Amino acid sequence: MDSRDQRPRDVAHRLSERSRQQTRARAQEASAWRRETFRLPRLEARAKAREWFERFPKAAYMTEIEFWQELPGDEIEFTIRRLPTAD
């Protein structure tokens, strides 16, 4: 390491960058939710939601419909979120 890497400005920059990287890593860990968005005809949307709740039970994965809306043509757009693993 040469003497230029030891200047206070350089040390401060390295520490700041390390702090930013740690903050990003913590944010990713905190947002451990898995999300998937679907846009399906109404009956298929019901079947898909039912499939998710059977595969990833709410009690274990905290599965829920996070957002949904009705679209023209009797389609439903919805986002399901769940935890990636059960304890």
N, C-alpha and C. Protein backbone atom coordinates (compact mmCIF):
# COMPACT_ATOMS: atom_id res chain seq x y z
N MET A 1 0.85 -1.17 0.00
CA MET A 1 0.00 0.00 0.00
C MET A 1 0.90 1.23 0.00
N ASP A 2 0.70 2.12 -0.97
CA ASP A 2 1.57 3.29 -0.95
C ASP A 2 0.95 4.41 -0.10
N SER A 3 1.71 5.44 0.10
CA SER A 3 1.32 6.50 1.05
C SER A 3 0.06 7.24 0.61
N ARG A 4 -0.26 7.23 -0.69
CA ARG A 4 -1.48 7.91 -1.15
C ARG A 4 -2.73 7.24 -0.61
N ASP A 5 -2.69 5.92 -0.36
CA ASP A 5 -3.85 5.20 0.16
C ASP A 5 -4.09 5.48 1.63
N GLN A 6 -3.15 6.16 2.27
CA GLN A 6 -3.26 6.42 3.70
C GLN A 6 -3.74 7.84 4.00
N ARG A 7 -4.00 8.63 2.98
CA ARG A 7 -4.47 9.99 3.22
C ARG A 7 -5.83 9.93 3.91
N PRO A 8 -6.10 10.85 4.81
CA PRO A 8 -7.40 10.86 5.51
C PRO A 8 -8.59 10.81 4.56
N ARG A 9 -8.49 11.53 3.45
CA ARG A 9 -9.58 11.53 2.47
C ARG A 9 -9.83 10.12 1.93
N ASP A 10 -8.77 9.39 1.63
CA ASP A 10 -8.89 8.04 1.09
C ASP A 10 -9.43 7.06 2.12
N VAL A 11 -8.96 7.19 3.35
CA VAL A 11 -9.45 6.34 4.43
C VAL A 11 -10.94 6.58 4.63
N ALA A 12 -11.35 7.84 4.65
CA ALA A 12 -12.76 8.19 4.83
C ALA A 12 -13.60 7.63 3.69
N HIS A 13 -13.09 7.70 2.48
CA HIS A 13 -13.82 7.16 1.32
C HIS A 13 -14.01 5.65 1.44
N ARG A 14 -12.95 4.94 1.81
CA ARG A 14 -13.05 3.48 1.96
C ARG A 14 -14.05 3.10 3.05
N LEU A 15 -14.00 3.82 4.18
CA LEU A 15 -14.93 3.52 5.27
C LEU A 15 -16.37 3.82 4.86
N SER A 16 -16.55 4.90 4.14
CA SER A 16 -17.89 5.26 3.68
C SER A 16 -18.43 4.21 2.72
N GLU A 17 -17.60 3.77 1.80
CA GLU A 17 -18.02 2.74 0.83
C GLU A 17 -18.35 1.43 1.54
N ARG A 18 -17.55 1.05 2.51
CA ARG A 18 -17.81 -0.17 3.27
C ARG A 18 -19.15 -0.06 4.01
N SER A 19 -19.42 1.09 4.58
CA SER A 19 -20.68 1.31 5.29
C SER A 19 -21.87 1.19 4.34
N ARG A 20 -21.74 1.77 3.13
CA ARG A 20 -22.82 1.67 2.13
C ARG A 20 -23.07 0.22 1.74
N GLN A 21 -22.02 -0.54 1.56
CA GLN A 21 -22.17 -1.95 1.19
C GLN A 21 -22.86 -2.74 2.30
N GLN A 22 -22.51 -2.48 3.53
CA GLN A 22 -23.15 -3.16 4.66
C GLN A 22 -24.62 -2.77 4.76
N THR A 23 -24.94 -1.52 4.52
CA THR A 23 -26.34 -1.07 4.55
C THR A 23 -27.14 -1.77 3.47
N ARG A 24 -26.57 -1.88 2.26
CA ARG A 24 -27.27 -2.59 1.18
C ARG A 24 -27.50 -4.05 1.53
N ALA A 25 -26.51 -4.69 2.11
CA ALA A 25 -26.63 -6.10 2.49
C ALA A 25 -27.72 -6.28 3.54
N ARG A 26 -27.78 -5.39 4.52
CA ARG A 26 -28.83 -5.48 5.55
C ARG A 26 -30.21 -5.26 4.95
N ALA A 27 -30.32 -4.36 4.00
CA ALA A 27 -31.61 -4.10 3.36
C ALA A 27 -32.08 -5.32 2.60
N GLN A 28 -31.17 -6.01 1.92
CA GLN A 28 -31.56 -7.22 1.20
C GLN A 28 -32.00 -8.31 2.16
N GLU A 29 -31.33 -8.45 3.29
CA GLU A 29 -31.73 -9.45 4.28
C GLU A 29 -33.09 -9.11 4.87
N ALA A 30 -33.34 -7.83 5.11
CA ALA A 30 -34.60 -7.40 5.71
C ALA A 30 -35.76 -7.62 4.75
N SER A 31 -35.52 -7.52 3.47
CA SER A 31 -36.56 -7.72 2.48
C SER A 31 -36.45 -9.13 1.92
N ALA A 32 -36.67 -10.09 2.76
CA ALA A 32 -36.52 -11.48 2.37
C ALA A 32 -37.75 -12.02 1.64
N TRP A 33 -38.74 -11.19 1.41
CA TRP A 33 -39.95 -11.64 0.74
C TRP A 33 -39.68 -12.05 -0.69
N ARG A 34 -40.33 -13.12 -1.10
CA ARG A 34 -40.34 -13.53 -2.50
C ARG A 34 -41.68 -13.08 -3.07
N ARG A 35 -41.64 -12.38 -4.18
CA ARG A 35 -42.86 -11.87 -4.79
C ARG A 35 -42.97 -12.37 -6.23
N GLU A 36 -44.21 -12.60 -6.64
CA GLU A 36 -44.46 -12.95 -8.02
C GLU A 36 -45.78 -12.31 -8.43
N THR A 37 -45.79 -11.72 -9.61
CA THR A 37 -46.98 -11.05 -10.11
C THR A 37 -47.56 -11.85 -11.27
N PHE A 38 -48.88 -11.99 -11.27
CA PHE A 38 -49.60 -12.73 -12.30
C PHE A 38 -50.68 -11.84 -12.91
N ARG A 39 -51.00 -12.07 -14.15
CA ARG A 39 -52.12 -11.42 -14.83
C ARG A 39 -52.85 -12.52 -15.58
N LEU A 40 -54.01 -12.91 -15.02
CA LEU A 40 -54.73 -14.07 -15.53
C LEU A 40 -56.23 -13.80 -15.59
N PRO A 41 -56.95 -14.57 -16.40
CA PRO A 41 -58.41 -14.51 -16.34
C PRO A 41 -58.87 -14.88 -14.92
N ARG A 42 -60.02 -14.37 -14.51
CA ARG A 42 -60.49 -14.49 -13.13
C ARG A 42 -60.42 -15.92 -12.57
N LEU A 43 -60.95 -16.90 -13.28
CA LEU A 43 -60.96 -18.28 -12.76
C LEU A 43 -59.54 -18.85 -12.64
N GLU A 44 -58.69 -18.54 -13.60
CA GLU A 44 -57.30 -19.01 -13.52
C GLU A 44 -56.55 -18.30 -12.39
N ALA A 45 -56.87 -17.04 -12.16
CA ALA A 45 -56.24 -16.30 -11.05
C ALA A 45 -56.62 -16.93 -9.72
N ARG A 46 -57.88 -17.30 -9.55
CA ARG A 46 -58.30 -17.97 -8.31
C ARG A 46 -57.55 -19.29 -8.13
N ALA A 47 -57.45 -20.04 -9.22
CA ALA A 47 -56.77 -21.34 -9.15
C ALA A 47 -55.29 -21.15 -8.81
N LYS A 48 -54.64 -20.14 -9.40
CA LYS A 48 -53.23 -19.89 -9.14
C LYS A 48 -53.02 -19.47 -7.68
N ALA A 49 -53.87 -18.61 -7.16
CA ALA A 49 -53.76 -18.19 -5.76
C ALA A 49 -53.96 -19.38 -4.84
N ARG A 50 -54.96 -20.20 -5.13
CA ARG A 50 -55.21 -21.40 -4.32
C ARG A 50 -53.99 -22.33 -4.34
N GLU A 51 -53.39 -22.50 -5.51
CA GLU A 51 -52.20 -23.34 -5.66
C GLU A 51 -51.06 -22.83 -4.77
N TRP A 52 -50.84 -21.53 -4.77
CA TRP A 52 -49.78 -20.94 -3.94
C TRP A 52 -50.04 -21.15 -2.46
N PHE A 53 -51.29 -20.95 -2.04
CA PHE A 53 -51.61 -21.11 -0.62
C PHE A 53 -51.50 -22.57 -0.19
N GLU A 54 -51.76 -23.51 -1.11
CA GLU A 54 -51.58 -24.92 -0.77
C GLU A 54 -50.09 -25.28 -0.73
N ARG A 55 -49.34 -24.75 -1.67
CA ARG A 55 -47.91 -25.07 -1.74
C ARG A 55 -47.10 -24.36 -0.66
N PHE A 56 -47.48 -23.13 -0.35
CA PHE A 56 -46.79 -22.32 0.66
C PHE A 56 -47.81 -21.85 1.69
N PRO A 57 -48.17 -22.70 2.66
CA PRO A 57 -49.22 -22.36 3.63
C PRO A 57 -48.92 -21.05 4.36
N LYS A 58 -49.98 -20.29 4.57
CA LYS A 58 -49.85 -18.98 5.22
C LYS A 58 -49.17 -19.08 6.58
N ALA A 59 -49.51 -20.10 7.35
CA ALA A 59 -48.95 -20.25 8.70
C ALA A 59 -47.43 -20.43 8.69
N ALA A 60 -46.91 -21.09 7.66
CA ALA A 60 -45.48 -21.36 7.62
C ALA A 60 -44.70 -20.31 6.82
N TYR A 61 -45.27 -19.83 5.72
CA TYR A 61 -44.55 -18.94 4.82
C TYR A 61 -45.07 -17.50 4.85
N MET A 62 -46.09 -17.24 5.64
CA MET A 62 -46.72 -15.93 5.72
C MET A 62 -47.18 -15.46 4.33
N THR A 63 -47.65 -16.39 3.53
CA THR A 63 -48.10 -16.10 2.17
C THR A 63 -49.32 -15.18 2.22
N GLU A 64 -49.32 -14.19 1.32
CA GLU A 64 -50.49 -13.32 1.22
C GLU A 64 -50.55 -12.66 -0.14
N ILE A 65 -51.77 -12.27 -0.51
CA ILE A 65 -51.96 -11.48 -1.72
C ILE A 65 -51.60 -10.05 -1.32
N GLU A 66 -50.54 -9.54 -1.87
CA GLU A 66 -50.05 -8.21 -1.49
C GLU A 66 -50.80 -7.10 -2.23
N PHE A 67 -51.20 -7.38 -3.46
CA PHE A 67 -51.85 -6.38 -4.29
C PHE A 67 -52.69 -7.11 -5.32
N TRP A 68 -53.85 -6.54 -5.64
CA TRP A 68 -54.62 -7.09 -6.75
C TRP A 68 -55.48 -5.99 -7.35
N GLN A 69 -55.82 -6.18 -8.63
CA GLN A 69 -56.72 -5.24 -9.30
C GLN A 69 -57.45 -5.96 -10.43
N GLU A 70 -58.66 -5.49 -10.69
CA GLU A 70 -59.44 -6.01 -11.81
C GLU A 70 -59.06 -5.23 -13.06
N LEU A 71 -58.89 -5.94 -14.15
CA LEU A 71 -58.54 -5.32 -15.42
C LEU A 71 -59.65 -5.58 -16.43
N PRO A 72 -59.69 -4.82 -17.50
CA PRO A 72 -60.70 -5.07 -18.54
C PRO A 72 -60.58 -6.50 -19.06
N GLY A 73 -61.69 -7.05 -19.50
CA GLY A 73 -61.68 -8.40 -20.05
C GLY A 73 -61.72 -9.47 -18.97
N ASP A 74 -62.20 -9.10 -17.78
CA ASP A 74 -62.34 -10.03 -16.66
C ASP A 74 -61.01 -10.68 -16.28
N GLU A 75 -59.94 -9.89 -16.39
CA GLU A 75 -58.62 -10.36 -15.94
C GLU A 75 -58.31 -9.77 -14.57
N ILE A 76 -57.50 -10.50 -13.83
CA ILE A 76 -57.05 -10.05 -12.51
C ILE A 76 -55.54 -10.02 -12.53
N GLU A 77 -54.98 -8.91 -12.07
CA GLU A 77 -53.54 -8.83 -11.87
C GLU A 77 -53.31 -8.82 -10.37
N PHE A 78 -52.41 -9.69 -9.91
CA PHE A 78 -52.16 -9.76 -8.47
C PHE A 78 -50.73 -10.15 -8.19
N THR A 79 -50.26 -9.70 -7.02
CA THR A 79 -48.92 -10.03 -6.55
C THR A 79 -49.04 -10.81 -5.28
N ILE A 80 -48.38 -11.97 -5.24
CA ILE A 80 -48.34 -12.81 -4.05
C ILE A 80 -46.95 -12.69 -3.45
N ARG A 81 -46.90 -12.58 -2.14
CA ARG A 81 -45.60 -12.58 -1.47
C ARG A 81 -45.56 -13.68 -0.43
N ARG A 82 -44.35 -14.18 -0.20
CA ARG A 82 -44.14 -15.22 0.80
C ARG A 82 -42.70 -15.17 1.27
N LEU A 83 -42.46 -15.80 2.41
CA LEU A 83 -41.08 -15.96 2.86
C LEU A 83 -40.44 -17.09 2.07
N PRO A 84 -39.14 -17.07 1.88
CA PRO A 84 -38.52 -18.09 1.05
C PRO A 84 -38.50 -19.48 1.69
N THR A 85 -38.47 -19.55 3.03
CA THR A 85 -38.45 -20.86 3.71
C THR A 85 -39.30 -20.81 4.94
N ALA A 86 -39.72 -21.96 5.36
CA ALA A 86 -40.46 -22.07 6.62
C ALA A 86 -39.49 -22.50 7.72
N ASP A 87 -39.73 -22.05 8.92
CA ASP A 87 -38.85 -22.43 10.05
C ASP A 87 -39.11 -23.84 10.49
